[in-house]
């Protein structure tokens, strides 16, 4: 018949052996992982003043990228927002959302970008 059950022995008989290949895990091109910005253009944001800098950059940028990271440290059933990553063509802002002192400023930033 067209469909035959495959037994373990039958599978080994019909499957060609796989040649052992070296593990070359990584990007095909080394430039794929390079950040095209200078280190000083990646800014850790943990004060209201730096949230203001991020807001100004977002307001002036022709486009922005946003990513958010969640933390489940403590109670994994109730994760909390921990990091906002905001990218413009010329800067990246890593906003520490666990810093309580910037909560109001971050709220204004989120209203601006969302």
C-alpha atoms as a PDB file:
ATOM      1  CA  UNK A   1       0.000   0.000   0.000  1.00  0.00           C
ATOM      2  CA  UNK A   2       1.008   3.632  -0.404  1.00  0.00           C
ATOM      3  CA  UNK A   3       1.109   4.361   3.336  1.00  0.00           C
ATOM      4  CA  UNK A   4       3.048   1.834   5.351  1.00  0.00           C
ATOM      5  CA  UNK A   5       3.737   2.074   9.064  1.00  0.00           C
ATOM      6  CA  UNK A   6       7.358   2.877   9.692  1.00  0.00           C
ATOM      7  CA  UNK A   7       9.115   0.713  12.193  1.00  0.00           C
ATOM      8  CA  UNK A   8      12.294   1.675  13.898  1.00  0.00           C
ATOM      9  CA  UNK A   9      14.259  -0.745  11.753  1.00  0.00           C
ATOM     10  CA  UNK A  10      12.459   0.388   8.627  1.00  0.00           C
ATOM     11  CA  UNK A  11      13.214   4.013   9.388  1.00  0.00           C
ATOM     12  CA  UNK A  12      16.933   3.341   9.699  1.00  0.00           C
ATOM     13  CA  UNK A  13      16.910   1.391   6.471  1.00  0.00           C
ATOM     14  CA  UNK A  14      15.273   4.161   4.448  1.00  0.00           C
ATOM     15  CA  UNK A  15      16.966   7.199   5.976  1.00  0.00           C
ATOM     16  CA  UNK A  16      20.374   8.046   4.536  1.00  0.00           C
ATOM     17  CA  UNK A  17      23.092   8.583   7.112  1.00  0.00           C
ATOM     18  CA  UNK A  18      23.672  12.218   8.051  1.00  0.00           C
ATOM     19  CA  UNK A  19      27.208  13.419   7.550  1.00  0.00           C
ATOM     20  CA  UNK A  20      28.747  14.880  10.686  1.00  0.00           C
ATOM     21  CA  UNK A  21      29.043  18.637  10.159  1.00  0.00           C
ATOM     22  CA  UNK A  22      30.974  21.026  12.396  1.00  0.00           C
ATOM     23  CA  UNK A  23      28.783  23.281  14.526  1.00  0.00           C
ATOM     24  CA  UNK A  24      29.184  26.715  12.931  1.00  0.00           C
ATOM     25  CA  UNK A  25      26.577  28.538  14.976  1.00  0.00           C
ATOM     26  CA  UNK A  26      26.696  32.274  14.451  1.00  0.00           C
ATOM     27  CA  UNK A  27      25.831  34.950  11.953  1.00  0.00           C
ATOM     28  CA  UNK A  28      26.825  34.323   8.344  1.00  0.00           C
ATOM     29  CA  UNK A  29      28.511  37.708   8.334  1.00  0.00           C
ATOM     30  CA  UNK A  30      30.364  39.207  11.312  1.00  0.00           C
ATOM     31  CA  UNK A  31      28.878  42.648  10.655  1.00  0.00           C
ATOM     32  CA  UNK A  32      25.369  41.312  11.408  1.00  0.00           C
ATOM     33  CA  UNK A  33      25.903  41.660  15.151  1.00  0.00           C
ATOM     34  CA  UNK A  34      27.591  45.042  15.130  1.00  0.00           C
ATOM     35  CA  UNK A  35      25.709  47.973  16.575  1.00  0.00           C
ATOM     36  CA  UNK A  36      25.963  50.771  14.064  1.00  0.00           C
ATOM     37  CA  UNK A  37      25.956  53.377  16.838  1.00  0.00           C
ATOM     38  CA  UNK A  38      28.776  54.556  19.047  1.00  0.00           C
ATOM     39  CA  UNK A  39      28.652  53.342  22.633  1.00  0.00           C
ATOM     40  CA  UNK A  40      27.869  56.850  23.884  1.00  0.00           C
ATOM     41  CA  UNK A  41      24.705  56.812  21.738  1.00  0.00           C
ATOM     42  CA  UNK A  42      23.281  53.972  23.844  1.00  0.00           C
ATOM     43  CA  UNK A  43      21.912  55.713  26.913  1.00  0.00           C
ATOM     44  CA  UNK A  44      20.779  54.144  30.199  1.00  0.00           C
ATOM     45  CA  UNK A  45      17.785  56.174  31.385  1.00  0.00           C
ATOM     46  CA  UNK A  46      17.123  56.233  35.120  1.00  0.00           C
ATOM     47  CA  UNK A  47      16.425  59.908  35.929  1.00  0.00           C
ATOM     48  CA  UNK A  48      13.598  62.255  34.929  1.00  0.00           C
ATOM     49  CA  UNK A  49      16.133  64.423  33.076  1.00  0.00           C
ATOM     50  CA  UNK A  50      17.254  61.511  30.914  1.00  0.00           C
ATOM     51  CA  UNK A  51      13.622  60.583  30.209  1.00  0.00           C
ATOM     52  CA  UNK A  52      13.325  64.166  28.922  1.00  0.00           C
ATOM     53  CA  UNK A  53      16.305  63.595  26.625  1.00  0.00           C
ATOM     54  CA  UNK A  54      14.663  60.414  25.294  1.00  0.00           C
ATOM     55  CA  UNK A  55      11.356  62.269  24.801  1.00  0.00           C
ATOM     56  CA  UNK A  56      13.064  65.046  22.843  1.00  0.00           C
ATOM     57  CA  UNK A  57      14.867  62.528  20.644  1.00  0.00           C
ATOM     58  CA  UNK A  58      11.611  60.620  20.002  1.00  0.00           C
ATOM     59  CA  UNK A  59       9.776  63.831  19.133  1.00  0.00           C
ATOM     60  CA  UNK A  60      12.425  64.799  16.538  1.00  0.00           C
ATOM     61  CA  UNK A  61      13.059  61.340  15.047  1.00  0.00           C
ATOM     62  CA  UNK A  62      11.568  60.419  11.659  1.00  0.00           C
ATOM     63  CA  UNK A  63      10.850  56.952  13.059  1.00  0.00           C
ATOM     64  CA  UNK A  64      11.278  55.087  16.317  1.00  0.00           C
ATOM     65  CA  UNK A  65      11.506  51.462  17.359  1.00  0.00           C
ATOM     66  CA  UNK A  66      10.079  50.226  20.638  1.00  0.00           C
ATOM     67  CA  UNK A  67      10.623  47.033  22.594  1.00  0.00           C
ATOM     68  CA  UNK A  68       9.641  46.206  26.154  1.00  0.00           C
ATOM     69  CA  UNK A  69      11.051  43.581  28.471  1.00  0.00           C
ATOM     70  CA  UNK A  70       9.191  41.982  31.343  1.00  0.00           C
ATOM     71  CA  UNK A  71      10.629  40.689  34.596  1.00  0.00           C
ATOM     72  CA  UNK A  72       9.220  37.750  36.446  1.00  0.00           C
ATOM     73  CA  UNK A  73      11.696  37.927  39.297  1.00  0.00           C
ATOM     74  CA  UNK A  74       9.760  37.097  42.425  1.00  0.00           C
ATOM     75  CA  UNK A  75       6.273  36.035  41.395  1.00  0.00           C
ATOM     76  CA  UNK A  76       6.427  34.589  37.876  1.00  0.00           C
ATOM     77  CA  UNK A  77       2.628  34.602  37.697  1.00  0.00           C
ATOM     78  CA  UNK A  78       2.627  38.396  37.975  1.00  0.00           C
ATOM     79  CA  UNK A  79       5.453  39.719  35.759  1.00  0.00           C
ATOM     80  CA  UNK A  80       6.157  43.431  35.703  1.00  0.00           C
ATOM     81  CA  UNK A  81       7.393  45.703  32.969  1.00  0.00           C
ATOM     82  CA  UNK A  82      11.104  46.234  33.573  1.00  0.00           C
ATOM     83  CA  UNK A  83      12.750  47.841  30.541  1.00  0.00           C
ATOM     84  CA  UNK A  84      11.643  50.049  27.676  1.00  0.00           C
ATOM     85  CA  UNK A  85      13.982  50.099  24.702  1.00  0.00           C
ATOM     86  CA  UNK A  86      13.435  53.117  22.502  1.00  0.00           C
ATOM     87  CA  UNK A  87      15.508  53.432  19.338  1.00  0.00           C
ATOM     88  CA  UNK A  88      15.853  56.286  16.892  1.00  0.00           C
ATOM     89  CA  UNK A  89      18.114  56.158  13.839  1.00  0.00           C
ATOM     90  CA  UNK A  90      20.887  57.804  15.857  1.00  0.00           C
ATOM     91  CA  UNK A  91      20.360  56.762  19.501  1.00  0.00           C
ATOM     92  CA  UNK A  92      19.086  53.951  21.708  1.00  0.00           C
ATOM     93  CA  UNK A  93      17.518  54.650  25.093  1.00  0.00           C
ATOM     94  CA  UNK A  94      17.284  51.864  27.676  1.00  0.00           C
ATOM     95  CA  UNK A  95      14.668  53.101  30.135  1.00  0.00           C
ATOM     96  CA  UNK A  96      14.828  51.439  33.565  1.00  0.00           C
ATOM     97  CA  UNK A  97      11.143  51.057  34.387  1.00  0.00           C
ATOM     98  CA  UNK A  98      11.939  49.678  37.831  1.00  0.00           C
ATOM     99  CA  UNK A  99      13.188  53.133  38.853  1.00  0.00           C
ATOM    100  CA  UNK A 100      10.234  54.643  40.703  1.00  0.00           C
ATOM    101  CA  UNK A 101      11.527  58.217  40.484  1.00  0.00           C
ATOM    102  CA  UNK A 102      10.892  58.338  36.721  1.00  0.00           C
ATOM    103  CA  UNK A 103       7.352  56.949  36.701  1.00  0.00           C
ATOM    104  CA  UNK A 104       5.616  60.260  35.874  1.00  0.00           C
ATOM    105  CA  UNK A 105       8.171  61.206  33.219  1.00  0.00           C
ATOM    106  CA  UNK A 106       7.878  57.754  31.620  1.00  0.00           C
ATOM    107  CA  UNK A 107       4.103  58.142  31.543  1.00  0.00           C
ATOM    108  CA  UNK A 108       4.536  61.336  29.517  1.00  0.00           C
ATOM    109  CA  UNK A 109       7.019  59.596  27.219  1.00  0.00           C
ATOM    110  CA  UNK A 110       4.611  56.719  26.606  1.00  0.00           C
ATOM    111  CA  UNK A 111       1.775  59.127  25.803  1.00  0.00           C
ATOM    112  CA  UNK A 112       4.076  60.818  23.296  1.00  0.00           C
ATOM    113  CA  UNK A 113       5.178  57.676  21.470  1.00  0.00           C
ATOM    114  CA  UNK A 114       2.046  55.576  21.693  1.00  0.00           C
END
